[in-house]
Amino acid sequence: MKTVDRHRSHSIAFKRQVVQEYPSGETLLGLAKRHDPSRNLLRVWVQKYEAGALDDDAAAADTIQAYEARIATLERLVGRQAFELEFLKGAL
């Protein structure tokens, strides 16, 4: 049985790649089987693509969002390490 990750995030580039296969005669069901998202999600992506929401500006925003998430992760790591250093200094 296939497990489904309901909170999986796809990049703009991936969405655009999948959606561009649709006008070439591929069905939503065929795309869903090959790429994993549901047909309903693919339908939403097609609508966004047709409205211009998957253009280069959206891709840039996607990249910025990924960088911001990475920065937040690194900031938490630095904070944890600073706490550990202070704790170890106190133990000496």
PDB file of N, CA and C in Angstrom:
ATOM      1  N   MET A   1       0.838  -1.183   0.000  1.00  0.00           N
ATOM      2  CA  MET A   1       0.000   0.000   0.000  1.00  0.00           C
ATOM      3  C   MET A   1       0.879   1.240   0.000  1.00  0.00           C
ATOM      4  N   LYS A   2       0.542   2.205  -0.820  1.00  0.00           N
ATOM      5  CA  LYS A   2       1.334   3.417  -0.955  1.00  0.00           C
ATOM      6  C   LYS A   2       0.974   4.391   0.162  1.00  0.00           C
ATOM      7  N   THR A   3       2.008   4.948   0.845  1.00  0.00           N
ATOM      8  CA  THR A   3       1.752   5.946   1.873  1.00  0.00           C
ATOM      9  C   THR A   3       1.714   7.317   1.223  1.00  0.00           C
ATOM     10  N   VAL A   4       0.906   8.196   1.786  1.00  0.00           N
ATOM     11  CA  VAL A   4       0.736   9.525   1.228  1.00  0.00           C
ATOM     12  C   VAL A   4       1.208  10.546   2.251  1.00  0.00           C
ATOM     13  N   ASP A   5       2.107  11.423   1.844  1.00  0.00           N
ATOM     14  CA  ASP A   5       2.563  12.509   2.684  1.00  0.00           C
ATOM     15  C   ASP A   5       1.715  13.726   2.341  1.00  0.00           C
ATOM     16  N   ARG A   6       0.764  14.052   3.168  1.00  0.00           N
ATOM     17  CA  ARG A   6      -0.194  15.110   2.867  1.00  0.00           C
ATOM     18  C   ARG A   6       0.429  16.508   2.884  1.00  0.00           C
ATOM     19  N   HIS A   7       1.594  16.658   3.488  1.00  0.00           N
ATOM     20  CA  HIS A   7       2.200  17.972   3.602  1.00  0.00           C
ATOM     21  C   HIS A   7       3.439  18.107   2.726  1.00  0.00           C
ATOM     22  N   ARG A   8       3.566  17.264   1.760  1.00  0.00           N
ATOM     23  CA  ARG A   8       4.718  17.324   0.874  1.00  0.00           C
ATOM     24  C   ARG A   8       4.643  18.589   0.032  1.00  0.00           C
ATOM     25  N   SER A   9       5.763  19.225  -0.137  1.00  0.00           N
ATOM     26  CA  SER A   9       5.822  20.459  -0.894  1.00  0.00           C
ATOM     27  C   SER A   9       6.605  20.212  -2.180  1.00  0.00           C
ATOM     28  N   HIS A  10       6.068  20.682  -3.278  1.00  0.00           N
ATOM     29  CA  HIS A  10       6.725  20.515  -4.570  1.00  0.00           C
ATOM     30  C   HIS A  10       7.235  21.867  -5.038  1.00  0.00           C
ATOM     31  N   SER A  11       8.381  21.869  -5.669  1.00  0.00           N
ATOM     32  CA  SER A  11       8.943  23.113  -6.181  1.00  0.00           C
ATOM     33  C   SER A  11       8.133  23.613  -7.376  1.00  0.00           C
ATOM     34  N   ILE A  12       8.271  24.901  -7.630  1.00  0.00           N
ATOM     35  CA  ILE A  12       7.601  25.500  -8.783  1.00  0.00           C
ATOM     36  C   ILE A  12       8.087  24.830 -10.066  1.00  0.00           C
ATOM     37  N   ALA A  13       9.388  24.544 -10.125  1.00  0.00           N
ATOM     38  CA  ALA A  13       9.950  23.919 -11.331  1.00  0.00           C
ATOM     39  C   ALA A  13       9.319  22.548 -11.575  1.00  0.00           C
ATOM     40  N   PHE A  14       9.137  21.766 -10.506  1.00  0.00           N
ATOM     41  CA  PHE A  14       8.518  20.447 -10.646  1.00  0.00           C
ATOM     42  C   PHE A  14       7.075  20.584 -11.116  1.00  0.00           C
ATOM     43  N   LYS A  15       6.339  21.497 -10.505  1.00  0.00           N
ATOM     44  CA  LYS A  15       4.938  21.702 -10.886  1.00  0.00           C
ATOM     45  C   LYS A  15       4.840  22.104 -12.354  1.00  0.00           C
ATOM     46  N   ARG A  16       5.710  23.029 -12.765  1.00  0.00           N
ATOM     47  CA  ARG A  16       5.690  23.496 -14.153  1.00  0.00           C
ATOM     48  C   ARG A  16       6.009  22.348 -15.110  1.00  0.00           C
ATOM     49  N   GLN A  17       7.005  21.536 -14.756  1.00  0.00           N
ATOM     50  CA  GLN A  17       7.397  20.398 -15.601  1.00  0.00           C
ATOM     51  C   GLN A  17       6.228  19.437 -15.784  1.00  0.00           C
ATOM     52  N   VAL A  18       5.559  19.106 -14.684  1.00  0.00           N
ATOM     53  CA  VAL A  18       4.438  18.164 -14.745  1.00  0.00           C
ATOM     54  C   VAL A  18       3.282  18.756 -15.550  1.00  0.00           C
ATOM     55  N   VAL A  19       2.956  20.003 -15.269  1.00  0.00           N
ATOM     56  CA  VAL A  19       1.815  20.650 -15.943  1.00  0.00           C
ATOM     57  C   VAL A  19       2.061  20.791 -17.437  1.00  0.00           C
ATOM     58  N   GLN A  20       3.302  21.006 -17.849  1.00  0.00           N
ATOM     59  CA  GLN A  20       3.595  21.171 -19.266  1.00  0.00           C
ATOM     60  C   GLN A  20       3.419  19.866 -20.040  1.00  0.00           C
ATOM     61  N   GLU A  21       3.369  18.745 -19.347  1.00  0.00           N
ATOM     62  CA  GLU A  21       3.106  17.465 -20.005  1.00  0.00           C
ATOM     63  C   GLU A  21       1.623  17.290 -20.310  1.00  0.00           C
ATOM     64  N   TYR A  22       0.764  18.022 -19.604  1.00  0.00           N
ATOM     65  CA  TYR A  22      -0.676  17.860 -19.748  1.00  0.00           C
ATOM     66  C   TYR A  22      -1.192  18.235 -21.141  1.00  0.00           C
ATOM     67  N   PRO A  23      -0.823  19.394 -21.713  1.00  0.00           N
ATOM     68  CA  PRO A  23      -1.359  19.739 -23.038  1.00  0.00           C
ATOM     69  C   PRO A  23      -0.876  18.813 -24.154  1.00  0.00           C
ATOM     70  N   SER A  24       0.178  18.065 -23.904  1.00  0.00           N
ATOM     71  CA  SER A  24       0.709  17.200 -24.958  1.00  0.00           C
ATOM     72  C   SER A  24      -0.090  15.906 -25.106  1.00  0.00           C
ATOM     73  N   GLY A  25      -1.253  15.850 -24.473  1.00  0.00           N
ATOM     74  CA  GLY A  25      -2.110  14.685 -24.629  1.00  0.00           C
ATOM     75  C   GLY A  25      -2.124  13.760 -23.435  1.00  0.00           C
ATOM     76  N   GLU A  26      -1.307  14.024 -22.454  1.00  0.00           N
ATOM     77  CA  GLU A  26      -1.276  13.208 -21.237  1.00  0.00           C
ATOM     78  C   GLU A  26      -2.527  13.506 -20.420  1.00  0.00           C
ATOM     79  N   THR A  27      -3.118  12.499 -19.823  1.00  0.00           N
ATOM     80  CA  THR A  27      -4.293  12.709 -18.979  1.00  0.00           C
ATOM     81  C   THR A  27      -3.851  13.028 -17.554  1.00  0.00           C
ATOM     82  N   LEU A  28      -4.752  13.637 -16.781  1.00  0.00           N
ATOM     83  CA  LEU A  28      -4.442  13.917 -15.377  1.00  0.00           C
ATOM     84  C   LEU A  28      -4.198  12.622 -14.611  1.00  0.00           C
ATOM     85  N   LEU A  29      -4.945  11.583 -14.944  1.00  0.00           N
ATOM     86  CA  LEU A  29      -4.753  10.291 -14.284  1.00  0.00           C
ATOM     87  C   LEU A  29      -3.362   9.733 -14.584  1.00  0.00           C
ATOM     88  N   GLY A  30      -2.945   9.824 -15.847  1.00  0.00           N
ATOM     89  CA  GLY A  30      -1.616   9.348 -16.227  1.00  0.00           C
ATOM     90  C   GLY A  30      -0.516  10.130 -15.535  1.00  0.00           C
ATOM     91  N   LEU A  31      -0.682  11.451 -15.460  1.00  0.00           N
ATOM     92  CA  LEU A  31       0.297  12.278 -14.760  1.00  0.00           C
ATOM     93  C   LEU A  31       0.338  11.947 -13.270  1.00  0.00           C
ATOM     94  N   ALA A  32      -0.828  11.743 -12.685  1.00  0.00           N
ATOM     95  CA  ALA A  32      -0.902  11.419 -11.253  1.00  0.00           C
ATOM     96  C   ALA A  32      -0.198  10.101 -10.960  1.00  0.00           C
ATOM     97  N   LYS A  33      -0.368   9.122 -11.836  1.00  0.00           N
ATOM     98  CA  LYS A  33       0.281   7.820 -11.621  1.00  0.00           C
ATOM     99  C   LYS A  33       1.800   7.922 -11.760  1.00  0.00           C
ATOM    100  N   ARG A  34       2.255   8.738 -12.714  1.00  0.00           N
ATOM    101  CA  ARG A  34       3.699   8.845 -12.946  1.00  0.00           C
ATOM    102  C   ARG A  34       4.404   9.744 -11.937  1.00  0.00           C
ATOM    103  N   HIS A  35       3.738  10.810 -11.502  1.00  0.00           N
ATOM    104  CA  HIS A  35       4.424  11.805 -10.672  1.00  0.00           C
ATOM    105  C   HIS A  35       3.946  11.828  -9.222  1.00  0.00           C
ATOM    106  N   ASP A  36       2.895  11.133  -8.884  1.00  0.00           N
ATOM    107  CA  ASP A  36       2.412  10.941  -7.519  1.00  0.00           C
ATOM    108  C   ASP A  36       1.354  11.902  -6.983  1.00  0.00           C
ATOM    109  N   PRO A  37       1.299  13.175  -7.344  1.00  0.00           N
ATOM    110  CA  PRO A  37       0.222  14.003  -6.789  1.00  0.00           C
ATOM    111  C   PRO A  37      -1.143  13.526  -7.262  1.00  0.00           C
ATOM    112  N   SER A  38      -2.167  13.869  -6.527  1.00  0.00           N
ATOM    113  CA  SER A  38      -3.523  13.466  -6.900  1.00  0.00           C
ATOM    114  C   SER A  38      -3.978  14.223  -8.152  1.00  0.00           C
ATOM    115  N   ARG A  39      -5.016  13.688  -8.778  1.00  0.00           N
ATOM    116  CA  ARG A  39      -5.556  14.362  -9.963  1.00  0.00           C
ATOM    117  C   ARG A  39      -6.087  15.739  -9.591  1.00  0.00           C
ATOM    118  N   ASN A  40      -6.717  15.841  -8.419  1.00  0.00           N
ATOM    119  CA  ASN A  40      -7.253  17.141  -7.998  1.00  0.00           C
ATOM    120  C   ASN A  40      -6.138  18.170  -7.814  1.00  0.00           C
ATOM    121  N   LEU A  41      -5.027  17.750  -7.220  1.00  0.00           N
ATOM    122  CA  LEU A  41      -3.904  18.660  -7.048  1.00  0.00           C
ATOM    123  C   LEU A  41      -3.333  19.059  -8.406  1.00  0.00           C
ATOM    124  N   LEU A  42      -3.234  18.110  -9.310  1.00  0.00           N
ATOM    125  CA  LEU A  42      -2.752  18.423 -10.657  1.00  0.00           C
ATOM    126  C   LEU A  42      -3.689  19.413 -11.350  1.00  0.00           C
ATOM    127  N   ARG A  43      -4.979  19.250 -11.143  1.00  0.00           N
ATOM    128  CA  ARG A  43      -5.962  20.165 -11.733  1.00  0.00           C
ATOM    129  C   ARG A  43      -5.721  21.593 -11.213  1.00  0.00           C
ATOM    130  N   VAL A  44      -5.433  21.723  -9.921  1.00  0.00           N
ATOM    131  CA  VAL A  44      -5.130  23.029  -9.324  1.00  0.00           C
ATOM    132  C   VAL A  44      -3.862  23.606  -9.945  1.00  0.00           C
ATOM    133  N   TRP A  45      -2.844  22.755 -10.116  1.00  0.00           N
ATOM    134  CA  TRP A  45      -1.598  23.219 -10.722  1.00  0.00           C
ATOM    135  C   TRP A  45      -1.829  23.707 -12.144  1.00  0.00           C
ATOM    136  N   VAL A  46      -2.651  23.000 -12.909  1.00  0.00           N
ATOM    137  CA  VAL A  46      -2.950  23.412 -14.288  1.00  0.00           C
ATOM    138  C   VAL A  46      -3.627  24.778 -14.281  1.00  0.00           C
ATOM    139  N   GLN A  47      -4.584  24.971 -13.375  1.00  0.00           N
ATOM    140  CA  GLN A  47      -5.271  26.264 -13.291  1.00  0.00           C
ATOM    141  C   GLN A  47      -4.294  27.380 -12.922  1.00  0.00           C
ATOM    142  N   LYS A  48      -3.404  27.115 -11.985  1.00  0.00           N
ATOM    143  CA  LYS A  48      -2.411  28.119 -11.601  1.00  0.00           C
ATOM    144  C   LYS A  48      -1.464  28.412 -12.765  1.00  0.00           C
ATOM    145  N   TYR A  49      -1.071  27.371 -13.474  1.00  0.00           N
ATOM    146  CA  TYR A  49      -0.173  27.549 -14.625  1.00  0.00           C
ATOM    147  C   TYR A  49      -0.836  28.427 -15.684  1.00  0.00           C
ATOM    148  N   GLU A  50      -2.105  28.141 -15.957  1.00  0.00           N
ATOM    149  CA  GLU A  50      -2.828  28.922 -16.963  1.00  0.00           C
ATOM    150  C   GLU A  50      -3.023  30.372 -16.524  1.00  0.00           C
ATOM    151  N   ALA A  51      -3.073  30.603 -15.199  1.00  0.00           N
ATOM    152  CA  ALA A  51      -3.237  31.959 -14.670  1.00  0.00           C
ATOM    153  C   ALA A  51      -1.893  32.681 -14.519  1.00  0.00           C
ATOM    154  N   GLY A  52      -0.777  31.985 -14.808  1.00  0.00           N
ATOM    155  CA  GLY A  52       0.543  32.598 -14.722  1.00  0.00           C
ATOM    156  C   GLY A  52       1.166  32.539 -13.345  1.00  0.00           C
ATOM    157  N   ALA A  53       0.604  31.731 -12.455  1.00  0.00           N
ATOM    158  CA  ALA A  53       1.105  31.649 -11.081  1.00  0.00           C
ATOM    159  C   ALA A  53       2.335  30.754 -10.948  1.00  0.00           C
ATOM    160  N   LEU A  54       2.724  30.080 -12.010  1.00  0.00           N
ATOM    161  CA  LEU A  54       3.908  29.222 -11.950  1.00  0.00           C
ATOM    162  C   LEU A  54       5.028  29.784 -12.825  1.00  0.00           C
ATOM    163  N   ASP A  55       5.082  31.107 -12.927  1.00  0.00           N
ATOM    164  CA  ASP A  55       6.097  31.738 -13.776  1.00  0.00           C
ATOM    165  C   ASP A  55       7.411  31.926 -13.015  1.00  0.00           C
ATOM    166  N   ASP A  56       8.342  32.653 -13.599  1.00  0.00           N
ATOM    167  CA  ASP A  56       9.669  32.833 -13.009  1.00  0.00           C
ATOM    168  C   ASP A  56       9.628  33.588 -11.683  1.00  0.00           C
ATOM    169  N   ASP A  57       8.695  34.558 -11.534  1.00  0.00           N
ATOM    170  CA  ASP A  57       8.581  35.274 -10.271  1.00  0.00           C
ATOM    171  C   ASP A  57       8.168  34.328  -9.150  1.00  0.00           C
ATOM    172  N   ALA A  58       7.270  33.424  -9.462  1.00  0.00           N
ATOM    173  CA  ALA A  58       6.846  32.438  -8.476  1.00  0.00           C
ATOM    174  C   ALA A  58       7.999  31.504  -8.136  1.00  0.00           C
ATOM    175  N   ALA A  59       8.798  31.162  -9.127  1.00  0.00           N
ATOM    176  CA  ALA A  59       9.967  30.309  -8.883  1.00  0.00           C
ATOM    177  C   ALA A  59      10.965  31.021  -7.982  1.00  0.00           C
ATOM    178  N   ALA A  60      11.155  32.316  -8.202  1.00  0.00           N
ATOM    179  CA  ALA A  60      12.056  33.093  -7.349  1.00  0.00           C
ATOM    180  C   ALA A  60      11.526  33.139  -5.920  1.00  0.00           C
ATOM    181  N   ALA A  61      10.227  33.311  -5.768  1.00  0.00           N
ATOM    182  CA  ALA A  61       9.626  33.316  -4.435  1.00  0.00           C
ATOM    183  C   ALA A  61       9.789  31.955  -3.767  1.00  0.00           C
ATOM    184  N   ASP A  62       9.682  30.893  -4.540  1.00  0.00           N
ATOM    185  CA  ASP A  62       9.868  29.534  -4.028  1.00  0.00           C
ATOM    186  C   ASP A  62      11.297  29.355  -3.526  1.00  0.00           C
ATOM    187  N   THR A  63      12.261  29.875  -4.269  1.00  0.00           N
ATOM    188  CA  THR A  63      13.670  29.784  -3.875  1.00  0.00           C
ATOM    189  C   THR A  63      13.915  30.569  -2.589  1.00  0.00           C
ATOM    190  N   ILE A  64      13.358  31.767  -2.515  1.00  0.00           N
ATOM    191  CA  ILE A  64      13.506  32.591  -1.314  1.00  0.00           C
ATOM    192  C   ILE A  64      12.909  31.877  -0.105  1.00  0.00           C
ATOM    193  N   GLN A  65      11.746  31.276  -0.286  1.00  0.00           N
ATOM    194  CA  GLN A  65      11.099  30.553   0.809  1.00  0.00           C
ATOM    195  C   GLN A  65      11.973  29.389   1.273  1.00  0.00           C
ATOM    196  N   ALA A  66      12.584  28.691   0.347  1.00  0.00           N
ATOM    197  CA  ALA A  66      13.462  27.577   0.710  1.00  0.00           C
ATOM    198  C   ALA A  66      14.686  28.084   1.472  1.00  0.00           C
ATOM    199  N   TYR A  67      15.256  29.205   1.026  1.00  0.00           N
ATOM    200  CA  TYR A  67      16.407  29.797   1.726  1.00  0.00           C
ATOM    201  C   TYR A  67      16.019  30.247   3.136  1.00  0.00           C
ATOM    202  N   GLU A  68      14.846  30.865   3.261  1.00  0.00           N
ATOM    203  CA  GLU A  68      14.406  31.321   4.577  1.00  0.00           C
ATOM    204  C   GLU A  68      14.205  30.158   5.538  1.00  0.00           C
ATOM    205  N   ALA A  69      13.678  29.054   5.031  1.00  0.00           N
ATOM    206  CA  ALA A  69      13.506  27.869   5.874  1.00  0.00           C
ATOM    207  C   ALA A  69      14.856  27.313   6.307  1.00  0.00           C
ATOM    208  N   ARG A  70      15.809  27.307   5.393  1.00  0.00           N
ATOM    209  CA  ARG A  70      17.164  26.825   5.715  1.00  0.00           C
ATOM    210  C   ARG A  70      17.832  27.729   6.751  1.00  0.00           C
ATOM    211  N   ILE A  71      17.679  29.036   6.603  1.00  0.00           N
ATOM    212  CA  ILE A  71      18.245  29.993   7.552  1.00  0.00           C
ATOM    213  C   ILE A  71      17.645  29.778   8.940  1.00  0.00           C
ATOM    214  N   ALA A  72      16.323  29.578   9.008  1.00  0.00           N
ATOM    215  CA  ALA A  72      15.674  29.348  10.297  1.00  0.00           C
ATOM    216  C   ALA A  72      16.211  28.081  10.962  1.00  0.00           C
ATOM    217  N   THR A  73      16.428  27.046  10.181  1.00  0.00           N
ATOM    218  CA  THR A  73      16.985  25.797  10.710  1.00  0.00           C
ATOM    219  C   THR A  73      18.391  26.026  11.257  1.00  0.00           C
ATOM    220  N   LEU A  74      19.201  26.746  10.509  1.00  0.00           N
ATOM    221  CA  LEU A  74      20.570  27.027  10.947  1.00  0.00           C
ATOM    222  C   LEU A  74      20.595  27.925  12.184  1.00  0.00           C
ATOM    223  N   GLU A  75      19.676  28.884  12.257  1.00  0.00           N
ATOM    224  CA  GLU A  75      19.599  29.746  13.439  1.00  0.00           C
ATOM    225  C   GLU A  75      19.245  28.942  14.687  1.00  0.00           C
ATOM    226  N   ARG A  76      18.328  27.985  14.550  1.00  0.00           N
ATOM    227  CA  ARG A  76      17.989  27.121  15.694  1.00  0.00           C
ATOM    228  C   ARG A  76      19.197  26.305  16.122  1.00  0.00           C
ATOM    229  N   LEU A  77      19.936  25.792  15.146  1.00  0.00           N
ATOM    230  CA  LEU A  77      21.133  25.005  15.439  1.00  0.00           C
ATOM    231  C   LEU A  77      22.178  25.850  16.174  1.00  0.00           C
ATOM    232  N   VAL A  78      22.407  27.066  15.712  1.00  0.00           N
ATOM    233  CA  VAL A  78      23.369  27.953  16.366  1.00  0.00           C
ATOM    234  C   VAL A  78      22.910  28.277  17.787  1.00  0.00           C
ATOM    235  N   GLY A  79      21.641  28.526  17.958  1.00  0.00           N
ATOM    236  CA  GLY A  79      21.107  28.796  19.293  1.00  0.00           C
ATOM    237  C   GLY A  79      21.312  27.625  20.238  1.00  0.00           C
ATOM    238  N   ARG A  80      21.068  26.432  19.746  1.00  0.00           N
ATOM    239  CA  ARG A  80      21.254  25.228  20.555  1.00  0.00           C
ATOM    240  C   ARG A  80      22.720  25.055  20.925  1.00  0.00           C
ATOM    241  N   GLN A  81      23.603  25.306  19.970  1.00  0.00           N
ATOM    242  CA  GLN A  81      25.036  25.171  20.241  1.00  0.00           C
ATOM    243  C   GLN A  81      25.514  26.235  21.228  1.00  0.00           C
ATOM    244  N   ALA A  82      24.999  27.458  21.126  1.00  0.00           N
ATOM    245  CA  ALA A  82      25.362  28.512  22.075  1.00  0.00           C
ATOM    246  C   ALA A  82      24.913  28.130  23.480  1.00  0.00           C
ATOM    247  N   PHE A  83      23.714  27.566  23.589  1.00  0.00           N
ATOM    248  CA  PHE A  83      23.208  27.111  24.886  1.00  0.00           C
ATOM    249  C   PHE A  83      24.111  26.024  25.457  1.00  0.00           C
ATOM    250  N   GLU A  84      24.490  25.069  24.627  1.00  0.00           N
ATOM    251  CA  GLU A  84      25.366  23.986  25.087  1.00  0.00           C
ATOM    252  C   GLU A  84      26.724  24.520  25.528  1.00  0.00           C
ATOM    253  N   LEU A  85      27.267  25.495  24.821  1.00  0.00           N
ATOM    254  CA  LEU A  85      28.542  26.100  25.208  1.00  0.00           C
ATOM    255  C   LEU A  85      28.438  26.784  26.571  1.00  0.00           C
ATOM    256  N   GLU A  86      27.375  27.531  26.773  1.00  0.00           N
ATOM    257  CA  GLU A  86      27.182  28.200  28.066  1.00  0.00           C
ATOM    258  C   GLU A  86      27.031  27.179  29.184  1.00  0.00           C
ATOM    259  N   PHE A  87      26.318  26.116  28.916  1.00  0.00           N
ATOM    260  CA  PHE A  87      26.131  25.065  29.912  1.00  0.00           C
ATOM    261  C   PHE A  87      27.471  24.422  30.269  1.00  0.00           C
ATOM    262  N   LEU A  88      28.273  24.122  29.254  1.00  0.00           N
ATOM    263  CA  LEU A  88      29.586  23.501  29.497  1.00  0.00           C
ATOM    264  C   LEU A  88      30.534  24.451  30.210  1.00  0.00           C
ATOM    265  N   LYS A  89      30.467  25.754  29.910  1.00  0.00           N
ATOM    266  CA  LYS A  89      31.290  26.725  30.619  1.00  0.00           C
ATOM    267  C   LYS A  89      30.922  26.754  32.102  1.00  0.00           C
ATOM    268  N   GLY A  90      29.641  26.644  32.376  1.00  0.00           N
ATOM    269  CA  GLY A  90      29.169  26.639  33.772  1.00  0.00           C
ATOM    270  C   GLY A  90      29.590  25.374  34.504  1.00  0.00           C
ATOM    271  N   ALA A  91      29.734  24.289  33.771  1.00  0.00           N
ATOM    272  CA  ALA A  91      30.127  23.018  34.392  1.00  0.00           C
ATOM    273  C   ALA A  91      31.597  22.990  34.767  1.00  0.00           C
ATOM    274  N   LEU A  92      32.389  23.845  34.107  1.00  0.00           N
ATOM    275  CA  LEU A  92      33.820  23.894  34.411  1.00  0.00           C
ATOM    276  C   LEU A  92      34.003  24.688  35.653  1.00  0.00           C
TER     277      LEU A  92
END
